[in-house]
Amino acid sequence: MTTHLTPPDPSRFSLTSFAELLPARDHILGEDPGSFDGFRGGMMQSLVPVTPYEGVIAENLVAIEWELLQHRRMRDAGLRTIMRNHIREAVVARDRVDYEAELDEAWEKHQAAGGTDDDWEWPYEFDEEATEKHGDALARRVDPANAEEFAAACAEIEAMGLDALELMGEAYRASSRSISMHENKLQELERRRREVKRDFDALQKTRPAPPETIEGEAIET
């Protein structure tokens, strides 16, 4: 037989939820609406705070975990932007090589026909704007939400002579200050999480032995 303790009813403390012990959290642009509430609900089911003070510590821990997730999202979004730029530049470089090869071929045909520098005319100018748009379109296709499109785009990128792993490594090496800021923030949050979790675990260990002195309903299973 195991005994599980359930948290006391927050209404006994004139609360609807222990979350009311902390300032209300408003949604932030970039977050999926309602995602925090679902995340918090799952975390609180795992942490199971029994007293109001445990509830406060648990809410702090949830906030840190959520901030960790958001900084990872922002970091990854920044890395994807850098990789998209590399893909666009690679497409432009490839198209320029193709353009110069076509010019060489046209020049050779011109010379073979008896043409000279004086009567040579450029077949067409290199359209950098159009090739940049092509590169942007390819970069946008590297979308993990669409597995089939993602695979096709990766195959096209590799056909250009680019290695996906090297591309990711280059993005990390060339990451801007904003990416580094997220990396530093993640390390700071990891330290805070360990500290708060240690405090929460220590607080749980000080609970009186059930069922005599702890406020909560014992459920036998």
Protein backbone atom coordinates (compact mmCIF):
# COMPACT_ATOMS: atom_id res chain seq x y z
CA MET A 1 0.00 0.00 0.00
CA THR A 2 1.31 3.43 -0.97
CA THR A 3 0.10 6.74 0.39
CA HIS A 4 -0.04 9.88 -1.74
CA LEU A 5 -0.53 13.36 -0.37
CA THR A 6 -2.63 15.82 -2.33
CA PRO A 7 -2.12 19.58 -1.99
CA PRO A 8 -4.51 21.51 0.25
CA ASP A 9 -7.33 23.46 -1.35
CA PRO A 10 -5.98 26.96 -2.18
CA SER A 11 -9.36 28.39 -1.18
CA ARG A 12 -8.44 27.65 2.46
CA PHE A 13 -5.89 30.42 2.06
CA SER A 14 -8.36 32.73 0.25
CA LEU A 15 -6.71 31.86 -3.06
CA THR A 16 -8.00 30.41 -6.28
CA SER A 17 -4.51 29.11 -7.05
CA PHE A 18 -1.08 29.32 -5.47
CA ALA A 19 -0.09 31.18 -8.65
CA GLU A 20 -1.86 34.21 -7.15
CA LEU A 21 1.00 34.47 -4.65
CA LEU A 22 3.19 35.72 -7.52
CA PRO A 23 2.61 38.65 -9.90
CA ALA A 24 0.36 37.81 -12.84
CA ARG A 25 2.21 36.88 -16.01
CA ASP A 26 1.03 38.48 -19.27
CA HIS A 27 1.53 36.90 -22.67
CA ILE A 28 4.59 38.01 -24.67
CA LEU A 29 4.64 38.43 -28.44
CA GLY A 30 6.31 35.37 -29.95
CA GLU A 31 4.84 32.88 -27.50
CA ASP A 32 2.08 30.54 -28.58
CA PRO A 33 -1.15 31.72 -26.89
CA GLY A 34 -2.01 29.53 -23.93
CA SER A 35 1.24 27.58 -24.13
CA PHE A 36 2.50 28.83 -20.77
CA ASP A 37 -0.69 27.81 -18.99
CA GLY A 38 -0.41 24.27 -20.36
CA PHE A 39 3.29 24.12 -19.50
CA ARG A 40 2.67 25.39 -15.97
CA GLY A 41 -0.14 22.90 -15.42
CA GLY A 42 2.06 19.97 -16.38
CA MET A 43 4.96 21.18 -14.27
CA MET A 44 2.80 21.71 -11.19
CA GLN A 45 1.40 18.20 -11.53
CA SER A 46 4.98 16.96 -11.46
CA LEU A 47 6.19 19.17 -8.59
CA VAL A 48 3.01 18.81 -6.45
CA PRO A 49 3.56 21.63 -3.93
CA VAL A 50 1.65 20.95 -0.72
CA THR A 51 1.96 24.24 1.20
CA PRO A 52 1.67 27.85 0.03
CA TYR A 53 5.41 28.35 0.47
CA GLU A 54 6.13 25.27 -1.62
CA GLY A 55 3.73 26.75 -4.14
CA VAL A 56 5.75 29.97 -4.33
CA ILE A 57 9.02 28.07 -4.84
CA ALA A 58 7.37 25.80 -7.40
CA GLU A 59 6.05 28.82 -9.33
CA ASN A 60 9.55 30.29 -9.39
CA LEU A 61 10.91 27.01 -10.70
CA VAL A 62 8.24 26.89 -13.41
CA ALA A 63 9.10 30.45 -14.44
CA ILE A 64 12.80 29.56 -14.76
CA GLU A 65 12.04 26.43 -16.79
CA TRP A 66 9.79 28.45 -19.09
CA GLU A 67 12.41 31.13 -19.56
CA LEU A 68 14.94 28.43 -20.44
CA LEU A 69 12.65 27.14 -23.16
CA GLN A 70 12.06 30.62 -24.56
CA HIS A 71 15.75 31.49 -24.68
CA ARG A 72 16.43 28.22 -26.51
CA ARG A 73 13.71 29.13 -29.01
CA MET A 74 15.17 32.61 -29.53
CA ARG A 75 18.69 31.24 -29.88
CA ASP A 76 17.58 28.63 -32.39
CA ALA A 77 15.60 31.24 -34.35
CA GLY A 78 18.74 33.37 -34.56
CA LEU A 79 20.81 30.41 -35.74
CA ARG A 80 18.23 29.61 -38.41
CA THR A 81 18.45 33.20 -39.63
CA ILE A 82 22.23 32.94 -39.91
CA MET A 83 21.94 29.65 -41.80
CA ARG A 84 19.35 31.14 -44.16
CA ASN A 85 21.80 33.94 -44.93
CA HIS A 86 24.53 31.38 -45.67
CA ILE A 87 22.19 29.47 -47.96
CA ARG A 88 21.25 32.66 -49.83
CA GLU A 89 24.91 33.59 -50.24
CA ALA A 90 25.70 30.09 -51.50
CA VAL A 91 22.91 30.29 -54.09
CA VAL A 92 24.16 33.67 -55.27
CA ALA A 93 27.73 32.35 -55.51
CA ARG A 94 26.60 29.26 -57.43
CA ASP A 95 24.49 31.28 -59.88
CA ARG A 96 27.34 33.72 -60.43
CA VAL A 97 29.68 30.84 -61.29
CA ASP A 98 27.07 29.50 -63.72
CA TYR A 99 26.67 32.98 -65.24
CA GLU A 100 30.40 33.40 -65.75
CA ALA A 101 30.60 29.93 -67.31
CA GLU A 102 27.84 30.88 -69.76
CA LEU A 103 29.66 34.12 -70.58
CA ASP A 104 32.86 32.18 -71.31
CA GLU A 105 30.95 29.83 -73.57
CA ALA A 106 29.28 32.75 -75.37
CA TRP A 107 32.64 34.47 -75.83
CA GLU A 108 34.21 31.36 -77.27
CA LYS A 109 31.36 31.04 -79.76
CA HIS A 110 31.72 34.70 -80.62
CA GLN A 111 35.43 34.30 -81.29
CA ALA A 112 34.86 31.11 -83.30
CA ALA A 113 32.50 33.07 -85.51
CA GLY A 114 35.20 35.68 -86.14
CA GLY A 115 34.01 38.18 -83.60
CA THR A 116 36.26 40.63 -81.76
CA ASP A 117 36.19 42.75 -78.63
CA ASP A 118 34.82 45.65 -80.63
CA ASP A 119 31.64 43.89 -81.70
CA TRP A 120 31.17 41.76 -78.58
CA GLU A 121 27.89 42.26 -76.74
CA TRP A 122 27.07 40.87 -73.31
CA PRO A 123 24.25 38.34 -73.65
CA TYR A 124 22.63 39.52 -70.40
CA GLU A 125 23.57 41.03 -67.06
CA PHE A 126 23.80 39.00 -63.88
CA ASP A 127 20.54 39.50 -61.94
CA GLU A 128 21.72 39.44 -58.34
CA GLU A 129 18.34 40.48 -56.96
CA ALA A 130 16.59 37.56 -58.64
CA THR A 131 19.17 35.03 -57.46
CA GLU A 132 18.95 36.38 -53.90
CA LYS A 133 15.19 35.82 -54.02
CA HIS A 134 15.87 32.29 -55.22
CA GLY A 135 18.24 31.78 -52.31
CA ASP A 136 15.70 33.14 -49.83
CA ALA A 137 13.04 30.83 -51.23
CA LEU A 138 15.32 27.83 -50.81
CA ALA A 139 16.24 28.87 -47.28
CA ARG A 140 12.58 29.20 -46.29
CA ARG A 141 11.97 25.65 -47.51
CA VAL A 142 14.29 24.38 -44.77
CA ASP A 143 11.30 24.18 -42.47
CA PRO A 144 11.22 21.25 -40.04
CA ALA A 145 7.44 21.58 -39.83
CA ASN A 146 7.23 20.09 -43.34
CA ALA A 147 9.37 16.95 -43.34
CA GLU A 148 9.02 16.28 -47.07
CA GLU A 149 9.87 19.84 -48.09
CA PHE A 150 12.70 19.91 -45.55
CA ALA A 151 14.28 16.77 -47.02
CA ALA A 152 13.98 18.11 -50.57
CA ALA A 153 15.55 21.44 -49.64
CA CYS A 154 18.40 19.71 -47.81
CA ALA A 155 19.07 17.56 -50.87
CA GLU A 156 19.20 20.66 -53.07
CA ILE A 157 21.56 22.38 -50.64
CA GLU A 158 23.88 19.39 -50.57
CA ALA A 159 23.77 19.23 -54.37
CA MET A 160 25.24 22.74 -54.31
CA GLY A 161 28.27 21.34 -52.49
CA LEU A 162 27.20 22.50 -49.02
CA ASP A 163 27.39 20.18 -46.01
CA ALA A 164 24.45 20.64 -43.63
CA LEU A 165 26.53 19.89 -40.53
CA GLU A 166 29.25 22.31 -41.60
CA LEU A 167 26.57 24.90 -42.30
CA MET A 168 25.27 24.56 -38.74
CA GLY A 169 28.81 24.75 -37.37
CA GLU A 170 29.49 27.89 -39.37
CA ALA A 171 26.30 29.42 -38.01
CA TYR A 172 27.55 28.84 -34.45
CA ARG A 173 30.98 30.25 -35.27
CA ALA A 174 29.53 33.30 -36.97
CA SER A 175 26.76 33.79 -34.41
CA SER A 176 26.09 37.38 -33.55
CA ARG A 177 26.21 39.02 -30.15
CA SER A 178 22.50 38.33 -29.66
CA ILE A 179 23.09 34.57 -30.01
CA SER A 180 25.92 34.72 -27.48
CA MET A 181 23.64 36.64 -25.14
CA HIS A 182 21.12 33.79 -25.20
CA GLU A 183 23.87 31.23 -24.60
CA ASN A 184 25.05 33.18 -21.55
CA LYS A 185 21.51 33.59 -20.29
CA LEU A 186 20.90 29.84 -20.62
CA GLN A 187 23.92 29.11 -18.45
CA GLU A 188 22.72 31.60 -15.84
CA LEU A 189 19.23 30.11 -15.84
CA GLU A 190 20.61 26.59 -15.52
CA ARG A 191 22.44 27.66 -12.35
CA ARG A 192 19.32 29.32 -10.97
CA ARG A 193 17.24 26.25 -11.74
CA ARG A 194 19.61 23.98 -9.82
CA GLU A 195 19.57 26.36 -6.84
CA VAL A 196 15.78 26.74 -6.74
CA LYS A 197 15.24 22.99 -7.25
CA ARG A 198 17.65 22.30 -4.39
CA ASP A 199 15.65 24.66 -2.17
CA PHE A 200 12.39 23.04 -3.23
CA ASP A 201 13.68 19.53 -2.53
CA ALA A 202 15.00 20.64 0.87
CA LEU A 203 11.65 22.21 1.70
CA GLN A 204 9.80 18.99 0.83
CA LYS A 205 12.11 17.02 3.12
CA THR A 206 11.05 19.18 6.08
CA ARG A 207 7.40 18.18 5.73
CA PRO A 208 5.96 16.63 8.91
CA ALA A 209 5.23 12.93 8.68
CA PRO A 210 1.76 12.19 7.27
CA PRO A 211 -1.04 11.97 8.08
CA GLU A 212 -1.10 13.55 11.55
CA THR A 213 0.39 17.02 10.99
CA ILE A 214 0.40 17.71 7.26
CA GLU A 215 -2.62 19.44 5.85
CA GLY A 216 -3.87 17.43 2.93
CA GLU A 217 -5.93 14.39 2.10
CA ALA A 218 -4.24 10.98 2.13
CA ILE A 219 -5.30 8.76 -0.76
CA GLU A 220 -4.59 5.05 -0.49
CA THR A 221 -3.93 3.06 -3.64
